[in-house]
Amino acid sequence: MTRLRMGMIGGGPGAFIGPVHRFAAELDREIELVAGVFSSDPGRSKAAAGAYRIDPARAYGSLAEMFTTERARADGIDFVAVVTPNHNHLPSARAALQAGLPVICDKPLTATLDEAHALAAVVRESGLPFAVTHTYSGYPLVREARARVAAGAVGTVRKVVVEYPQGWLAGEASGKQAEWRVDPARSGLGGCIGDIGVHAFQLAEFITGLEVTELLADLGAVVPGRALDDDCTVLLRFANGARGVLLASQIEVGELNGLRIRLYGDRGGLLWRQEQPNTLTLHTLDGRTEIVHAGGPQLGPDALSRTRTPTGHPEGYLEAFANLYRDFAAVLRGEQAPLLPGIGTGLRGMAFIATAVEASRAKAGWVKLSV
């Protein structure tokens, strides 16, 4: 099988997520990073070539240069990964799509909801594959949870509690990764709500198979002088009438990356935690508890097809990320990948961010969530 050739936009020196994309994309040897515009500074873009071990001649100074040069090559790039701060998602993805290249893009989709609608229009007009890297939906046991909920394991969903606590922004935001996340010019409308709250939102909708229809939001900038929210509490109502609570915070000292979800139905409940991703806990109304392990024979096809090692050999964040790239590669080869987050998921995420921010500022109470 010929490996697909990836071009990267962003991910230059000092970036966290660029190398993650590279590792994930190349894990299954279906994709190879061969080119990129790694920084808006041409010198830094060239410098990144050494870190990524690619031909320095294919580390470009601008998008136009990359698209023109790669188009002329027999071994030119097949698609683009956008891994920039949020304010560059729309211009980068739009330019790639208009150059005829499929795109896989970091979340949130864009900096604002208006930009998200503009990008969605470009995606529709292009007819090209487009995906959003909501990493946690790539975990095998998250996919198992989704399948079991759909099969009725918990019955009718009544309550959803999804939490994403971090503590790394409890003090001064220093360093490249922190600084852009608290800067409205680069992060966009939301701070914590856009960085991690949207992950929690997507996870809740993904596992339950239900859409959020209304929300009540209380977002705060707790650290003095901070312009964007760093602590979020959002009440949710789902399409079937279920109620939910979404908690996202980056000022909870001592917390690392504690994403977890609990949901309860009229027949049972379940729990999954990102920091212990290889177990899924299910409870039944008669008092029994089942612990499901990653890689076990009891898993359904969605989970088994995205598990690489036997039970007891832990898989984690990079493997989950790689599952999204495996799905995207399948789509590029003309196959189906129905669980891959696409432009619709990205739009819903941006609508959630915008609605929560605006409702909190206005103290508007319960508001409709509409895309």
Protein backbone atom coordinates (compact mmCIF):
# COMPACT_ATOMS: atom_id res chain seq x y z
CA MET A 1 0.00 0.00 0.00
CA THR A 2 1.39 3.39 -1.00
CA ARG A 3 1.75 5.71 1.97
CA LEU A 4 -0.24 8.94 1.85
CA ARG A 5 1.91 12.06 1.92
CA MET A 6 1.03 14.73 4.50
CA GLY A 7 1.81 18.43 4.51
CA MET A 8 1.62 20.24 7.86
CA ILE A 9 0.63 23.84 8.55
CA GLY A 10 1.95 24.93 11.94
CA GLY A 11 3.78 22.76 14.45
CA GLY A 12 7.05 24.71 14.34
CA PRO A 13 9.80 24.89 17.00
CA GLY A 14 8.37 24.78 20.51
CA ALA A 15 4.97 23.45 19.46
CA PHE A 16 3.34 20.62 21.42
CA ILE A 17 0.67 19.43 19.03
CA GLY A 18 2.71 19.33 15.80
CA PRO A 19 4.88 16.38 16.87
CA VAL A 20 1.78 14.65 18.25
CA HIS A 21 0.13 14.88 14.84
CA ARG A 22 3.29 13.55 13.20
CA PHE A 23 3.61 10.57 15.58
CA ALA A 24 -0.09 9.75 15.28
CA ALA A 25 -0.20 10.06 11.51
CA GLU A 26 2.81 7.79 11.01
CA LEU A 27 2.03 5.16 13.66
CA ASP A 28 0.29 2.72 11.31
CA ARG A 29 2.62 3.47 8.37
CA GLU A 30 -0.26 4.57 6.17
CA ILE A 31 0.86 8.21 6.20
CA GLU A 32 4.19 10.03 6.03
CA LEU A 33 4.94 13.67 6.85
CA VAL A 34 6.92 15.00 3.89
CA ALA A 35 6.40 18.78 3.79
CA GLY A 36 5.10 21.75 5.70
CA VAL A 37 4.79 25.42 6.44
CA PHE A 38 5.73 24.95 10.07
CA SER A 39 5.87 28.63 11.03
CA SER A 40 4.89 32.03 9.68
CA ASP A 41 8.60 32.81 9.98
CA PRO A 42 10.35 31.20 6.97
CA GLY A 43 13.54 30.69 8.97
CA ARG A 44 11.74 28.85 11.76
CA SER A 45 9.85 26.80 9.20
CA LYS A 46 13.15 25.68 7.69
CA ALA A 47 14.53 24.94 11.15
CA ALA A 48 11.61 22.60 11.83
CA ALA A 49 12.66 20.36 8.94
CA GLY A 50 15.55 19.01 11.00
CA ALA A 51 13.33 18.17 13.97
CA TYR A 52 10.85 16.39 11.72
CA ARG A 53 13.65 14.77 9.67
CA ILE A 54 12.22 15.81 6.34
CA ASP A 55 13.92 17.26 3.28
CA PRO A 56 14.76 20.92 4.14
CA ALA A 57 13.71 21.90 0.63
CA ARG A 58 10.15 20.88 1.53
CA ALA A 59 9.92 23.16 4.58
CA TYR A 60 8.26 26.18 2.99
CA GLY A 61 7.96 29.84 3.88
CA SER A 62 4.34 30.28 2.81
CA LEU A 63 1.22 28.32 1.93
CA ALA A 64 1.29 29.51 -1.67
CA GLU A 65 4.87 28.27 -2.05
CA MET A 66 4.03 24.86 -0.61
CA PHE A 67 0.91 24.35 -2.69
CA THR A 68 2.55 25.48 -5.94
CA THR A 69 5.75 23.48 -5.44
CA GLU A 70 4.07 20.33 -4.17
CA ARG A 71 1.53 20.36 -7.00
CA ALA A 72 4.42 20.24 -9.49
CA ARG A 73 6.01 17.20 -7.85
CA ALA A 74 5.17 13.64 -8.83
CA ASP A 75 5.37 12.79 -5.12
CA GLY A 76 3.52 15.88 -3.88
CA ILE A 77 1.39 15.98 -0.75
CA ASP A 78 -1.98 14.22 -0.71
CA PHE A 79 -3.55 16.20 2.15
CA VAL A 80 -2.85 18.87 4.77
CA ALA A 81 -2.94 18.84 8.58
CA VAL A 82 -3.73 22.22 10.17
CA VAL A 83 -2.13 22.39 13.63
CA THR A 84 -1.90 26.16 14.17
CA PRO A 85 -3.46 28.30 16.90
CA ASN A 86 -7.19 28.81 16.32
CA HIS A 87 -7.05 32.14 14.48
CA ASN A 88 -5.19 30.49 11.59
CA HIS A 89 -7.54 27.53 11.14
CA LEU A 90 -9.89 29.22 8.68
CA PRO A 91 -7.30 30.82 6.36
CA SER A 92 -5.08 27.73 6.38
CA ALA A 93 -7.84 25.16 5.82
CA ARG A 94 -9.57 27.33 3.22
CA ALA A 95 -6.35 27.80 1.25
CA ALA A 96 -5.65 24.06 1.29
CA LEU A 97 -9.17 23.12 0.19
CA GLN A 98 -9.11 25.70 -2.57
CA ALA A 99 -5.81 24.20 -3.70
CA GLY A 100 -7.60 20.84 -4.03
CA LEU A 101 -6.23 19.22 -0.86
CA PRO A 102 -8.25 17.39 1.82
CA VAL A 103 -7.76 18.72 5.35
CA ILE A 104 -7.55 17.33 8.87
CA CYS A 105 -7.75 20.19 11.38
CA ASP A 106 -7.19 20.69 15.08
CA LYS A 107 -10.12 21.63 17.29
CA PRO A 108 -11.88 23.92 17.82
CA LEU A 109 -12.81 24.28 14.17
CA THR A 110 -12.08 28.02 14.02
CA ALA A 111 -11.81 31.10 16.24
CA THR A 112 -15.46 32.16 15.86
CA LEU A 113 -18.79 30.67 14.81
CA ASP A 114 -18.98 32.95 11.76
CA GLU A 115 -15.60 31.62 10.65
CA ALA A 116 -16.85 28.08 11.19
CA HIS A 117 -19.81 28.66 8.88
CA ALA A 118 -17.48 30.20 6.30
CA LEU A 119 -15.21 27.15 6.45
CA ALA A 120 -18.16 24.76 6.25
CA ALA A 121 -19.23 26.48 3.04
CA VAL A 122 -15.76 26.00 1.57
CA VAL A 123 -15.78 22.32 2.58
CA ARG A 124 -19.17 21.78 0.92
CA GLU A 125 -18.10 23.60 -2.24
CA SER A 126 -14.85 21.65 -2.49
CA GLY A 127 -16.42 18.23 -1.95
CA LEU A 128 -13.15 17.14 -0.33
CA PRO A 129 -12.68 15.10 2.86
CA PHE A 130 -12.40 17.17 6.02
CA ALA A 131 -11.90 15.98 9.60
CA VAL A 132 -11.50 17.52 13.06
CA THR A 133 -9.15 15.96 15.61
CA HIS A 134 -11.41 15.36 18.58
CA THR A 135 -8.86 12.92 19.94
CA TYR A 136 -10.88 11.28 22.67
CA SER A 137 -13.39 9.79 20.24
CA GLY A 138 -10.47 7.72 18.93
CA TYR A 139 -10.06 5.73 22.15
CA PRO A 140 -11.26 2.15 21.66
CA LEU A 141 -13.25 2.10 24.91
CA VAL A 142 -14.94 5.41 24.07
CA ARG A 143 -16.12 3.75 20.88
CA GLU A 144 -17.15 0.72 22.92
CA ALA A 145 -19.11 2.97 25.28
CA ARG A 146 -20.89 4.55 22.33
CA ALA A 147 -21.77 1.14 20.89
CA ARG A 148 -23.08 -0.17 24.21
CA VAL A 149 -25.23 2.91 24.82
CA ALA A 150 -26.65 2.55 21.31
CA ALA A 151 -27.39 -1.13 22.02
CA GLY A 152 -29.35 -0.21 25.15
CA ALA A 153 -26.83 -1.20 27.84
CA VAL A 154 -27.89 1.69 30.08
CA GLY A 155 -31.42 2.03 28.73
CA THR A 156 -32.77 5.50 28.10
CA VAL A 157 -30.13 8.08 28.99
CA ARG A 158 -31.29 10.31 31.87
CA LYS A 159 -28.16 12.07 33.15
CA VAL A 160 -24.71 12.94 31.77
CA VAL A 161 -21.82 14.30 33.82
CA VAL A 162 -18.68 15.17 31.86
CA GLU A 163 -15.68 16.80 33.49
CA TYR A 164 -12.36 18.10 32.17
CA PRO A 165 -10.20 19.48 35.01
CA GLN A 166 -6.69 20.86 34.51
CA GLY A 167 -4.52 23.03 36.70
CA TRP A 168 -1.75 24.24 34.42
CA LEU A 169 -3.19 27.75 33.94
CA ALA A 170 -3.89 28.42 37.63
CA GLY A 171 -1.06 30.97 37.67
CA GLU A 172 0.60 33.21 35.14
CA ALA A 173 0.28 31.98 31.56
CA SER A 174 3.92 31.74 30.53
CA GLY A 175 5.43 29.95 27.56
CA LYS A 176 4.32 29.48 23.98
CA GLN A 177 1.57 26.94 24.66
CA ALA A 178 -0.05 28.96 27.45
CA GLU A 179 0.28 32.44 25.99
CA TRP A 180 -1.73 31.94 22.82
CA ARG A 181 -4.50 30.13 24.67
CA VAL A 182 -5.28 33.17 26.84
CA ASP A 183 -4.96 35.67 23.97
CA PRO A 184 -8.32 36.50 22.31
CA ALA A 185 -6.54 37.48 19.09
CA ARG A 186 -5.20 33.96 18.67
CA SER A 187 -7.54 31.75 20.68
CA GLY A 188 -10.80 33.35 19.60
CA LEU A 189 -14.01 33.79 21.56
CA GLY A 190 -13.38 31.12 24.18
CA GLY A 191 -10.51 30.25 26.48
CA CYS A 192 -10.95 27.09 28.55
CA ILE A 193 -14.35 26.45 26.94
CA GLY A 194 -12.71 26.34 23.49
CA ASP A 195 -9.56 24.53 24.52
CA ILE A 196 -10.96 21.66 26.58
CA GLY A 197 -14.65 22.36 27.19
CA VAL A 198 -15.41 21.60 23.55
CA HIS A 199 -13.71 18.20 23.94
CA ALA A 200 -16.03 17.40 26.85
CA PHE A 201 -19.03 18.55 24.82
CA GLN A 202 -18.08 16.41 21.83
CA LEU A 203 -17.45 13.39 24.05
CA ALA A 204 -20.90 13.70 25.64
CA GLU A 205 -22.66 13.87 22.29
CA PHE A 206 -20.46 11.14 20.78
CA ILE A 207 -21.06 8.53 23.49
CA THR A 208 -24.74 9.23 24.06
CA GLY A 209 -25.59 9.68 20.38
CA LEU A 210 -27.76 12.60 21.53
CA GLU A 211 -27.52 16.28 20.63
CA VAL A 212 -27.53 19.02 23.23
CA THR A 213 -30.50 21.31 22.58
CA GLU A 214 -30.23 23.86 25.43
CA LEU A 215 -27.63 25.06 27.88
CA LEU A 216 -27.14 27.34 30.88
CA ALA A 217 -23.58 28.61 31.20
CA ASP A 218 -21.47 30.20 33.92
CA LEU A 219 -17.98 30.96 32.60
CA GLY A 220 -15.37 32.91 34.51
CA ALA A 221 -11.92 34.42 34.09
CA VAL A 222 -10.68 33.55 37.58
CA VAL A 223 -7.03 34.54 37.28
CA PRO A 224 -6.79 38.35 37.65
CA GLY A 225 -6.26 40.19 34.39
CA ARG A 226 -7.16 37.25 32.19
CA ALA A 227 -9.30 38.17 29.18
CA LEU A 228 -10.73 34.71 28.43
CA ASP A 229 -12.53 32.18 30.59
CA ASP A 230 -10.46 29.68 32.56
CA ASP A 231 -13.24 28.03 34.60
CA CYS A 232 -16.56 26.80 33.19
CA THR A 233 -19.78 25.27 34.48
CA VAL A 234 -22.47 24.46 31.91
CA LEU A 235 -25.81 22.74 32.47
CA LEU A 236 -27.05 20.77 29.48
CA ARG A 237 -30.35 19.46 28.19
CA PHE A 238 -30.32 16.75 25.54
CA ALA A 239 -32.76 16.05 22.74
CA ASN A 240 -34.41 13.17 24.62
CA GLY A 241 -34.93 15.27 27.76
CA ALA A 242 -31.85 14.02 29.60
CA ARG A 243 -30.04 16.51 31.80
CA GLY A 244 -26.30 17.05 31.92
CA VAL A 245 -23.49 18.89 33.66
CA LEU A 246 -20.28 19.92 31.92
CA LEU A 247 -17.38 21.11 34.07
CA ALA A 248 -14.17 22.38 32.47
CA SER A 249 -11.43 24.21 34.29
CA GLN A 250 -7.76 25.06 33.87
CA ILE A 251 -7.28 26.57 37.32
CA GLU A 252 -7.81 23.45 39.49
CA VAL A 253 -4.40 23.10 41.10
CA GLY A 254 -3.10 19.54 41.06
CA GLU A 255 -5.32 18.34 38.21
CA LEU A 256 -3.53 17.09 35.11
CA ASN A 257 -5.72 15.96 32.24
CA GLY A 258 -8.67 14.48 34.09
CA LEU A 259 -11.32 14.17 31.40
CA ARG A 260 -14.00 11.74 32.50
CA ILE A 261 -17.60 11.01 31.67
CA ARG A 262 -20.37 9.36 33.65
CA LEU A 263 -23.80 8.69 32.23
CA TYR A 264 -26.86 7.12 33.73
CA GLY A 265 -29.94 5.59 32.17
CA ASP A 266 -33.03 3.84 33.43
CA ARG A 267 -31.25 0.45 33.26
CA GLY A 268 -27.65 1.23 34.16
CA GLY A 269 -24.70 3.59 34.07
CA LEU A 270 -21.13 3.81 32.80
CA LEU A 271 -17.85 5.55 33.56
CA TRP A 272 -14.78 6.24 31.40
CA ARG A 273 -11.70 8.23 32.43
CA GLN A 274 -9.02 9.53 30.08
CA GLU A 275 -6.25 9.11 32.63
CA GLN A 276 -7.20 5.40 32.95
CA PRO A 277 -8.41 4.88 29.38
CA ASN A 278 -8.08 1.12 29.19
CA THR A 279 -11.03 0.31 31.43
CA LEU A 280 -14.72 1.05 31.02
CA THR A 281 -17.01 0.54 34.02
CA LEU A 282 -20.65 -0.44 33.56
CA HIS A 283 -23.28 -0.70 36.29
CA THR A 284 -26.67 -2.42 36.08
CA LEU A 285 -29.88 -1.69 37.94
CA ASP A 286 -29.67 -4.98 39.84
CA GLY A 287 -26.35 -3.98 41.46
CA ARG A 288 -23.85 -5.75 39.21
CA THR A 289 -20.69 -3.99 37.96
CA GLU A 290 -18.75 -5.00 34.85
CA ILE A 291 -15.19 -3.85 34.16
CA VAL A 292 -14.43 -3.92 30.44
CA HIS A 293 -10.75 -3.96 29.46
CA ALA A 294 -9.24 -2.64 26.25
CA GLY A 295 -8.28 -5.42 23.87
CA GLY A 296 -10.64 -7.96 25.40
CA PRO A 297 -12.65 -10.41 23.27
CA GLN A 298 -15.94 -8.98 24.55
CA LEU A 299 -15.42 -5.72 22.64
CA GLY A 300 -17.47 -4.83 19.61
CA PRO A 301 -16.05 -4.33 16.10
CA ASP A 302 -15.53 -0.56 16.37
CA ALA A 303 -13.34 -0.93 19.46
CA LEU A 304 -11.52 -4.08 18.34
CA SER A 305 -10.65 -2.62 14.95
CA ARG A 306 -8.87 0.29 16.64
CA THR A 307 -6.98 -1.71 19.28
CA ARG A 308 -3.36 -2.62 18.52
CA THR A 309 -2.24 -4.67 21.54
CA PRO A 310 -3.63 -7.53 23.66
CA THR A 311 -5.44 -6.94 26.95
CA GLY A 312 -3.12 -5.60 29.64
CA HIS A 313 -0.81 -3.77 27.24
CA PRO A 314 -1.90 -0.14 27.71
CA GLU A 315 -2.68 2.10 24.80
CA GLY A 316 -3.27 5.81 25.23
CA TYR A 317 -3.38 9.30 23.78
CA LEU A 318 -1.09 8.81 20.78
CA GLU A 319 -2.86 5.62 19.75
CA ALA A 320 -6.26 7.32 20.03
CA PHE A 321 -4.96 10.19 17.91
CA ALA A 322 -3.59 7.66 15.44
CA ASN A 323 -7.04 6.08 15.14
CA LEU A 324 -8.37 9.37 13.77
CA TYR A 325 -5.58 9.43 11.22
CA ARG A 326 -6.28 5.80 10.31
CA ASP A 327 -9.92 6.73 9.77
CA PHE A 328 -8.91 9.75 7.69
CA ALA A 329 -6.58 7.62 5.57
CA ALA A 330 -9.46 5.22 4.97
CA VAL A 331 -11.65 8.08 3.76
CA LEU A 332 -8.91 9.31 1.44
CA ARG A 333 -8.70 5.81 -0.04
CA GLY A 334 -12.44 5.85 -0.72
CA GLU A 335 -13.54 3.78 2.27
CA GLN A 336 -16.02 4.58 5.05
CA ALA A 337 -15.14 5.88 8.52
CA PRO A 338 -18.46 6.86 10.09
CA LEU A 339 -17.01 7.65 13.55
CA LEU A 340 -14.49 10.19 12.26
CA PRO A 341 -15.43 13.72 13.44
CA GLY A 342 -16.12 15.92 10.43
CA ILE A 343 -17.25 19.42 9.55
CA GLY A 344 -20.64 18.90 11.21
CA THR A 345 -18.98 17.99 14.50
CA GLY A 346 -16.73 21.01 14.18
CA LEU A 347 -19.69 23.30 13.58
CA ARG A 348 -21.55 21.96 16.60
CA GLY A 349 -18.48 22.51 18.73
CA MET A 350 -18.17 26.13 17.65
CA ALA A 351 -21.89 26.68 18.24
CA PHE A 352 -21.45 25.30 21.76
CA ILE A 353 -18.50 27.62 22.46
CA ALA A 354 -20.23 30.71 21.07
CA THR A 355 -23.55 30.00 22.79
CA ALA A 356 -21.93 29.29 26.16
CA VAL A 357 -19.74 32.40 26.06
CA GLU A 358 -22.53 34.73 24.97
CA ALA A 359 -25.12 33.26 27.34
CA SER A 360 -22.73 33.51 30.29
CA ARG A 361 -21.84 37.13 29.54
CA ALA A 362 -25.50 38.08 29.21
CA LYS A 363 -26.59 35.99 32.21
CA ALA A 364 -29.25 34.77 29.86
CA GLY A 365 -30.31 31.62 31.68
CA TRP A 366 -31.35 28.68 29.53
CA VAL A 367 -30.71 29.26 25.81
CA LYS A 368 -31.19 27.16 22.69
CA LEU A 369 -28.13 25.62 21.07
CA SER A 370 -28.47 25.84 17.32
CA VAL A 371 -25.94 25.61 14.51
